[in-house]
Amino acid sequence: MTTLDFLVRRDRLATTELRGTAEIPLTAGQIRLGVDSFALTANNITYAAFGDAMNYWSFYPAPAGWGRIPVWGFATVLESGCPGIAVGERFYGYYPMSSQTVLQPVRLSPAGFFEGAEHRAALHAVYNSYSRCTADPFHTAQTEDVEALLRPLFITSWLIDDFLADQDFFGAGANGDGAVLLSSASSKTAYGTAFQLAQRKGIEVVGLTSAANREFCNSLDCYHRVLAYDELDHLAADTACVFVDFAGNASLRREIHTRFGNLKYSCSVGGTHVGQLGGAKDLPGPRATLFFAPAQIKKRTAEWGAHELGQRLLQAWQAFVVTVCDPAAPWLVVQHHFGPDAVDAAYAAVLGGRGDPRSGHMLSLAPRAPA
């Protein structure tokens, strides 16, 4: 059987290619999984945009000059050379944009396993963990698409909120009149962060977005205020504030650092504005710092223990899903894309920032199954 890989040029993300390679026989301990479905969001574009800087290209190596973007989704075991993992089992985790993949499970437990391939040994455990669907408390069959689309993003959102609160918002909320500014406010990680922040007192949650996405952001009711990118002057220049940057737009970051003389902290999370990415050197105010979610996980695991951290995340996730999936006013409408051409078109749309922010894209390189 041939494995299909969706590849992108690492230096020109709009250039893609579908390549087929012959299956390689398994070695002892390995498993072969068929990738059933995976989510594609602006978060995956961030993985590509920061692929070299943060080693995202290292998870699934590709031919020189090309990359396989990691995605979150579900896969079924097609072949197993690993005792303790049966053919037919399904796992949630971090996969390539491919029709199948081979993993080397280690540290097996009733909950799942960790990937033990040598080239991933130095990469963070958060991305090397795979969960059995039958034992995963986050998983339900009814919300599987939402889980693939939002679970990894919401965990990042929760950790950003937790990190900022743990730091007392760097003094921005000391007088009860501070603000957290979130760029790319229509993005899923941004509105997950806003959902958490809105539950805290003494801090205003301000969403920054394009004029076209203002109505969507307002409809979520998790931002106290939504401003278009050209409306920064609607917020007083002396506002004590924190900037959480999901856009990665260099000119916007400079404008915020220049305008707000009482900017307490600035962190970069994503790069949804791929065409405007840039450095953060010589900025007025605080140094722009890259937020790395696994570092906060490590801190809280040490302080609370893994079980307590998992319980807090699960409780927050369940509340978030209820809101997102409210049939009267859903935040997310899932669209399914089957086959290589559909995957390519969906990737181009997400890369270009086109489409309805309410849409969530679930992809599969396999053709649509017969009815």
Protein backbone atom coordinates (compact mmCIF):
# COMPACT_ATOMS: atom_id res chain seq x y z
CA MET A 1 0.00 0.00 0.00
CA THR A 2 1.16 3.55 -0.73
CA THR A 3 1.36 6.23 1.95
CA LEU A 4 0.24 9.70 0.84
CA ASP A 5 2.04 12.68 2.39
CA PHE A 6 0.87 16.29 2.07
CA LEU A 7 4.08 18.34 1.92
CA VAL A 8 4.71 22.09 2.03
CA ARG A 9 7.81 24.04 1.10
CA ARG A 10 9.37 25.21 4.33
CA ASP A 11 10.41 28.56 2.84
CA ARG A 12 7.23 29.07 0.75
CA LEU A 13 4.27 27.75 2.70
CA ALA A 14 1.84 28.26 -0.17
CA THR A 15 3.74 25.71 -2.28
CA THR A 16 2.41 22.20 -1.67
CA GLU A 17 2.87 18.73 -3.10
CA LEU A 18 1.26 15.35 -2.56
CA ARG A 19 3.76 12.49 -2.60
CA GLY A 20 3.22 8.77 -2.45
CA THR A 21 5.76 6.42 -0.90
CA ALA A 22 5.74 2.65 -0.54
CA GLU A 23 5.00 1.22 2.89
CA ILE A 24 8.07 0.31 4.94
CA PRO A 25 7.79 -2.97 6.87
CA LEU A 26 7.44 -2.55 10.62
CA THR A 27 10.28 -3.37 12.97
CA ALA A 28 9.76 -4.88 16.41
CA GLY A 29 7.66 -2.68 18.68
CA GLN A 30 6.30 -0.41 15.97
CA ILE A 31 2.68 0.18 14.97
CA ARG A 32 1.18 1.43 11.72
CA LEU A 33 -1.80 3.76 12.02
CA GLY A 34 -4.20 4.97 9.39
CA VAL A 35 -4.87 8.68 9.94
CA ASP A 36 -8.68 8.84 9.94
CA SER A 37 -9.22 12.57 10.29
CA PHE A 38 -7.39 15.66 11.49
CA ALA A 39 -8.13 19.29 12.22
CA LEU A 40 -6.61 22.18 10.32
CA THR A 41 -6.63 25.58 12.01
CA ALA A 42 -4.52 28.72 12.17
CA ASN A 43 -2.60 26.92 14.93
CA ASN A 44 -1.19 24.51 12.36
CA ILE A 45 -0.10 27.46 10.23
CA THR A 46 1.75 28.68 13.32
CA TYR A 47 3.49 25.31 13.53
CA ALA A 48 4.69 25.82 9.96
CA ALA A 49 5.59 29.49 10.40
CA PHE A 50 7.69 28.68 13.48
CA GLY A 51 8.72 25.25 12.24
CA ASP A 52 12.46 25.88 12.37
CA ALA A 53 12.52 28.10 15.45
CA MET A 54 10.49 25.69 17.60
CA ASN A 55 11.36 22.34 15.98
CA TYR A 56 7.88 21.57 14.66
CA TRP A 57 9.40 20.19 11.45
CA SER A 58 11.29 17.64 13.50
CA PHE A 59 8.27 15.55 14.50
CA TYR A 60 7.73 14.06 11.06
CA PRO A 61 10.83 14.53 8.90
CA ALA A 62 10.38 15.18 5.18
CA PRO A 63 12.66 15.44 2.12
CA ALA A 64 15.10 18.37 2.12
CA GLY A 65 13.35 21.72 1.75
CA TRP A 66 9.93 20.25 2.49
CA GLY A 67 7.93 19.81 5.67
CA ARG A 68 5.05 17.76 7.03
CA ILE A 69 2.88 19.98 9.20
CA PRO A 70 1.84 18.26 12.45
CA VAL A 71 -1.90 18.12 13.08
CA TRP A 72 -4.15 16.90 15.89
CA GLY A 73 -6.56 14.14 15.08
CA PHE A 74 -7.52 10.48 15.26
CA ALA A 75 -5.93 7.36 13.85
CA THR A 76 -6.70 3.63 13.82
CA VAL A 77 -4.08 0.89 14.29
CA LEU A 78 -3.72 -0.99 10.99
CA GLU A 79 -0.81 -3.20 11.98
CA SER A 80 0.84 -3.81 15.34
CA GLY A 81 4.20 -5.19 16.33
CA CYS A 82 3.76 -3.83 19.84
CA PRO A 83 2.31 -6.05 22.59
CA GLY A 84 -0.43 -4.16 24.38
CA ILE A 85 -1.72 -2.32 21.32
CA ALA A 86 -4.26 -4.12 19.17
CA VAL A 87 -5.21 -3.70 15.54
CA GLY A 88 -8.38 -1.62 15.38
CA GLU A 89 -7.66 0.55 18.43
CA ARG A 90 -8.08 4.30 17.93
CA PHE A 91 -5.82 7.00 19.35
CA TYR A 92 -6.01 10.77 19.64
CA GLY A 93 -2.74 12.58 19.13
CA TYR A 94 -0.24 14.47 17.02
CA TYR A 95 -0.03 13.14 13.46
CA PRO A 96 1.33 14.21 10.08
CA MET A 97 -0.89 15.38 7.21
CA SER A 98 -0.61 11.89 5.75
CA SER A 99 -2.78 8.87 5.06
CA GLN A 100 -0.85 6.77 7.58
CA THR A 101 2.16 6.85 9.85
CA VAL A 102 4.43 4.53 11.84
CA LEU A 103 5.08 5.10 15.56
CA GLN A 104 7.28 3.40 18.17
CA PRO A 105 5.17 3.21 21.37
CA VAL A 106 6.89 3.26 24.77
CA ARG A 107 5.62 3.72 28.32
CA LEU A 108 2.35 1.94 27.56
CA SER A 109 -0.51 2.34 30.01
CA PRO A 110 -4.29 1.85 29.99
CA ALA A 111 -4.50 5.54 28.99
CA GLY A 112 -2.22 5.32 25.94
CA PHE A 113 1.48 5.56 25.12
CA PHE A 114 4.34 7.91 24.32
CA GLU A 115 6.17 8.01 21.02
CA GLY A 116 9.65 6.59 21.48
CA ALA A 117 11.33 7.24 18.13
CA GLU A 118 14.88 8.47 18.60
CA HIS A 119 14.40 11.62 16.52
CA ARG A 120 11.60 12.73 18.87
CA ALA A 121 13.38 12.03 22.15
CA ALA A 122 14.33 15.70 22.69
CA LEU A 123 10.88 17.03 21.76
CA HIS A 124 8.33 17.91 24.40
CA ALA A 125 6.25 15.12 25.92
CA VAL A 126 3.00 17.05 25.35
CA TYR A 127 3.36 16.36 21.62
CA ASN A 128 4.61 12.79 22.07
CA SER A 129 1.59 11.53 24.05
CA TYR A 130 -1.16 9.46 22.41
CA SER A 131 -4.47 8.72 24.13
CA ARG A 132 -6.66 5.64 23.74
CA CYS A 133 -10.10 6.90 22.77
CA THR A 134 -11.74 4.27 24.97
CA ALA A 135 -9.93 5.56 28.08
CA ASP A 136 -9.69 9.31 27.40
CA PRO A 137 -11.88 11.43 29.72
CA PHE A 138 -11.82 14.29 27.20
CA HIS A 139 -13.23 12.08 24.45
CA THR A 140 -16.81 11.46 23.43
CA ALA A 141 -17.94 10.15 20.07
CA GLN A 142 -20.42 13.01 19.74
CA THR A 143 -17.80 15.73 20.10
CA GLU A 144 -14.90 14.06 18.29
CA ASP A 145 -14.59 16.76 15.61
CA VAL A 146 -14.72 19.53 18.22
CA GLU A 147 -12.06 17.71 20.22
CA ALA A 148 -9.66 17.57 17.27
CA LEU A 149 -10.33 21.19 16.37
CA LEU A 150 -10.31 22.82 19.77
CA ARG A 151 -8.78 20.60 22.45
CA PRO A 152 -5.10 21.42 21.80
CA LEU A 153 -5.96 25.07 21.22
CA PHE A 154 -8.07 25.32 24.36
CA ILE A 155 -5.33 23.76 26.46
CA THR A 156 -3.03 26.53 25.21
CA SER A 157 -5.78 29.09 25.93
CA TRP A 158 -6.26 27.75 29.45
CA LEU A 159 -2.52 27.86 30.08
CA ILE A 160 -2.23 31.46 28.85
CA ASP A 161 -5.03 32.51 31.21
CA ASP A 162 -3.46 30.53 34.04
CA PHE A 163 -0.01 31.99 33.35
CA LEU A 164 -1.28 35.59 33.30
CA ALA A 165 -3.33 35.12 36.47
CA ASP A 166 -0.37 33.39 38.14
CA GLN A 167 1.68 36.52 37.37
CA ASP A 168 -1.12 38.85 38.60
CA PHE A 169 -1.33 40.13 35.02
CA PHE A 170 2.06 41.74 35.58
CA GLY A 171 0.30 44.51 37.49
CA ALA A 172 -2.12 45.40 34.69
CA GLY A 173 -5.15 44.58 36.84
CA ALA A 174 -3.88 46.07 40.09
CA ASN A 175 -6.42 48.91 40.09
CA GLY A 176 -9.26 46.99 38.49
CA ASP A 177 -9.06 48.98 35.27
CA GLY A 178 -6.41 47.11 33.30
CA ALA A 179 -6.86 45.27 30.02
CA VAL A 180 -5.64 42.22 28.15
CA LEU A 181 -5.41 42.83 24.41
CA LEU A 182 -5.81 39.76 22.19
CA SER A 183 -4.92 40.06 18.52
CA SER A 184 -6.52 37.81 15.89
CA ALA A 185 -9.52 37.76 18.22
CA SER A 186 -11.57 35.58 15.87
CA SER A 187 -9.01 32.77 16.00
CA LYS A 188 -9.90 29.73 18.05
CA THR A 189 -6.99 29.99 20.48
CA ALA A 190 -7.73 33.66 21.07
CA TYR A 191 -11.41 33.19 21.81
CA GLY A 192 -10.64 30.21 24.05
CA THR A 193 -8.32 32.50 26.00
CA ALA A 194 -11.00 35.19 26.12
CA PHE A 195 -13.53 32.64 27.40
CA GLN A 196 -11.25 31.92 30.36
CA LEU A 197 -10.19 35.52 30.99
CA ALA A 198 -13.79 36.75 30.98
CA GLN A 199 -14.42 34.70 34.13
CA ARG A 200 -11.87 36.77 36.06
CA LYS A 201 -12.59 40.07 37.75
CA GLY A 202 -10.65 43.30 37.50
CA ILE A 203 -9.42 42.91 33.93
CA GLU A 204 -11.01 44.00 30.66
CA VAL A 205 -10.74 41.55 27.76
CA VAL A 206 -10.25 43.46 24.49
CA GLY A 207 -10.35 41.63 21.17
CA LEU A 208 -8.46 43.08 18.21
CA THR A 209 -9.62 41.87 14.81
CA SER A 210 -10.32 42.82 11.22
CA ALA A 211 -13.44 44.85 10.54
CA ALA A 212 -14.88 41.84 8.70
CA ASN A 213 -14.66 39.65 11.81
CA ARG A 214 -15.90 42.20 14.35
CA GLU A 215 -19.50 40.94 14.29
CA PHE A 216 -18.39 37.35 14.85
CA CYS A 217 -16.20 38.32 17.81
CA ASN A 218 -18.99 40.36 19.38
CA SER A 219 -21.40 37.43 18.98
CA LEU A 220 -19.24 35.24 21.21
CA ASP A 221 -19.90 37.45 24.21
CA CYS A 222 -16.52 36.65 25.75
CA TYR A 223 -14.85 39.97 24.86
CA HIS A 224 -15.75 43.04 26.90
CA ARG A 225 -14.82 45.13 23.89
CA VAL A 226 -13.93 44.36 20.25
CA LEU A 227 -11.85 46.83 18.23
CA ALA A 228 -10.76 46.75 14.62
CA TYR A 229 -7.01 46.98 14.08
CA ASP A 230 -7.30 50.63 13.06
CA GLU A 231 -9.21 51.55 16.24
CA LEU A 232 -6.45 51.30 18.84
CA ASP A 233 -7.04 54.96 19.61
CA HIS A 234 -10.39 53.96 21.14
CA LEU A 235 -8.40 52.66 24.10
CA ALA A 236 -6.67 55.22 26.28
CA ALA A 237 -2.92 55.33 25.67
CA ASP A 238 -2.18 55.17 29.41
CA THR A 239 -4.20 51.97 29.92
CA ALA A 240 -2.31 49.41 31.98
CA CYS A 241 -2.37 46.44 29.66
CA VAL A 242 -0.97 43.09 28.59
CA PHE A 243 -0.70 42.16 24.91
CA VAL A 244 -1.23 38.53 23.85
CA ASP A 245 -0.32 38.29 20.18
CA PHE A 246 -1.93 35.52 18.14
CA ALA A 247 -1.47 37.34 14.82
CA GLY A 248 2.29 37.77 14.70
CA ASN A 249 1.83 40.93 12.67
CA ALA A 250 5.06 42.89 13.12
CA SER A 251 3.59 46.31 12.34
CA LEU A 252 0.64 45.78 14.72
CA ARG A 253 2.99 44.68 17.50
CA ARG A 254 5.12 47.79 17.00
CA GLU A 255 2.04 50.02 16.98
CA ILE A 256 0.82 48.57 20.28
CA HIS A 257 4.25 48.82 21.90
CA THR A 258 4.53 52.42 20.73
CA ARG A 259 1.04 53.60 21.67
CA PHE A 260 0.61 52.03 25.10
CA GLY A 261 3.21 53.51 27.42
CA ASN A 262 1.84 51.42 30.30
CA LEU A 263 2.20 48.09 28.52
CA LYS A 264 3.13 45.65 31.29
CA TYR A 265 3.83 42.50 29.31
CA SER A 266 3.86 41.34 25.70
CA CYS A 267 3.81 37.75 24.57
CA SER A 268 3.68 36.05 21.20
CA VAL A 269 1.57 32.92 20.81
CA GLY A 270 0.86 32.49 17.11
CA GLY A 271 1.35 33.69 13.58
CA THR A 272 -2.03 33.85 11.86
CA HIS A 273 -0.92 36.87 9.76
CA VAL A 274 1.66 34.85 7.82
CA GLY A 275 2.37 37.59 5.32
CA GLN A 276 3.19 40.13 8.05
CA LEU A 277 5.36 38.07 10.37
CA GLY A 278 8.45 39.82 11.62
CA GLY A 279 10.91 40.18 14.42
CA ALA A 280 10.43 41.84 17.77
CA LYS A 281 13.71 43.74 18.10
CA ASP A 282 14.06 47.34 19.25
CA LEU A 283 10.46 47.66 20.40
CA PRO A 284 9.45 50.31 22.95
CA GLY A 285 8.32 48.91 26.29
CA PRO A 286 8.67 45.33 27.52
CA ARG A 287 10.46 42.69 25.51
CA ALA A 288 8.10 40.60 23.39
CA THR A 289 8.34 37.06 24.80
CA LEU A 290 7.35 33.82 23.11
CA PHE A 291 4.74 31.90 25.11
CA PHE A 292 5.59 28.20 25.29
CA ALA A 293 2.65 26.25 26.69
CA PRO A 294 4.65 23.16 27.76
CA ALA A 295 6.65 25.30 30.19
CA GLN A 296 3.47 26.25 32.08
CA ILE A 297 2.34 22.62 32.03
CA LYS A 298 5.66 21.62 33.58
CA LYS A 299 5.31 24.29 36.27
CA ARG A 300 1.76 23.33 37.22
CA THR A 301 2.52 19.61 37.12
CA ALA A 302 5.31 20.20 39.64
CA GLU A 303 3.05 22.35 41.86
CA TRP A 304 -0.26 20.48 41.60
CA GLY A 305 0.58 17.04 40.28
CA ALA A 306 -0.48 15.63 36.93
CA HIS A 307 -3.86 14.39 38.19
CA GLU A 308 -4.94 17.74 39.63
CA LEU A 309 -3.81 19.59 36.50
CA GLY A 310 -5.74 17.12 34.34
CA GLN A 311 -8.89 17.52 36.41
CA ARG A 312 -8.77 21.31 36.22
CA LEU A 313 -8.26 21.20 32.47
CA LEU A 314 -11.07 18.67 32.02
CA GLN A 315 -13.54 20.74 34.03
CA ALA A 316 -12.71 23.89 32.05
CA TRP A 317 -12.86 21.99 28.74
CA GLN A 318 -16.29 20.57 29.47
CA ALA A 319 -17.67 24.03 30.26
CA PHE A 320 -16.11 25.40 27.08
CA VAL A 321 -17.58 22.64 24.90
CA VAL A 322 -21.07 23.28 26.26
CA THR A 323 -20.77 26.93 25.19
CA VAL A 324 -19.11 26.25 21.83
CA CYS A 325 -21.64 23.58 20.88
CA ASP A 326 -24.76 25.41 22.05
CA PRO A 327 -27.22 24.56 19.25
CA ALA A 328 -28.95 27.91 19.65
CA ALA A 329 -25.75 29.88 18.99
CA PRO A 330 -22.81 27.62 18.07
CA TRP A 331 -19.36 29.15 18.02
CA LEU A 332 -18.16 26.44 15.66
CA VAL A 333 -19.62 24.82 12.53
CA VAL A 334 -17.63 21.81 11.34
CA GLN A 335 -16.85 21.32 7.66
CA HIS A 336 -15.49 17.99 6.40
CA HIS A 337 -13.02 17.72 3.51
CA PHE A 338 -12.15 14.39 1.89
CA GLY A 339 -9.39 13.55 -0.56
CA PRO A 340 -6.13 15.24 -1.62
CA ASP A 341 -7.71 18.04 -3.68
CA ALA A 342 -10.05 19.00 -0.87
CA VAL A 343 -7.19 18.96 1.65
CA ASP A 344 -5.12 21.20 -0.61
CA ALA A 345 -8.00 23.67 -1.03
CA ALA A 346 -8.73 23.78 2.69
CA TYR A 347 -5.05 24.33 3.47
CA ALA A 348 -4.85 27.23 1.01
CA ALA A 349 -7.93 28.82 2.57
CA VAL A 350 -6.64 28.53 6.14
CA LEU A 351 -3.16 29.72 5.13
CA GLY A 352 -4.69 32.75 3.43
CA GLY A 353 -6.93 33.57 6.39
CA ARG A 354 -10.00 33.24 4.21
CA GLY A 355 -13.42 31.99 5.14
CA ASP A 356 -15.87 32.21 7.99
CA PRO A 357 -14.19 32.26 11.42
CA ARG A 358 -17.08 30.15 12.66
CA SER A 359 -15.95 27.30 10.42
CA GLY A 360 -13.82 24.42 11.64
CA HIS A 361 -12.08 22.24 9.06
CA MET A 362 -11.80 18.47 9.52
CA LEU A 363 -9.70 16.81 6.82
CA SER A 364 -8.86 13.36 5.55
CA LEU A 365 -6.63 12.34 2.66
CA ALA A 366 -8.90 9.35 2.10
CA PRO A 367 -11.79 9.81 -0.35
CA ARG A 368 -15.25 10.10 1.15
CA ALA A 369 -16.50 6.74 2.35
CA PRO A 370 -19.43 5.27 0.41
CA ALA A 371 -22.82 6.07 1.89
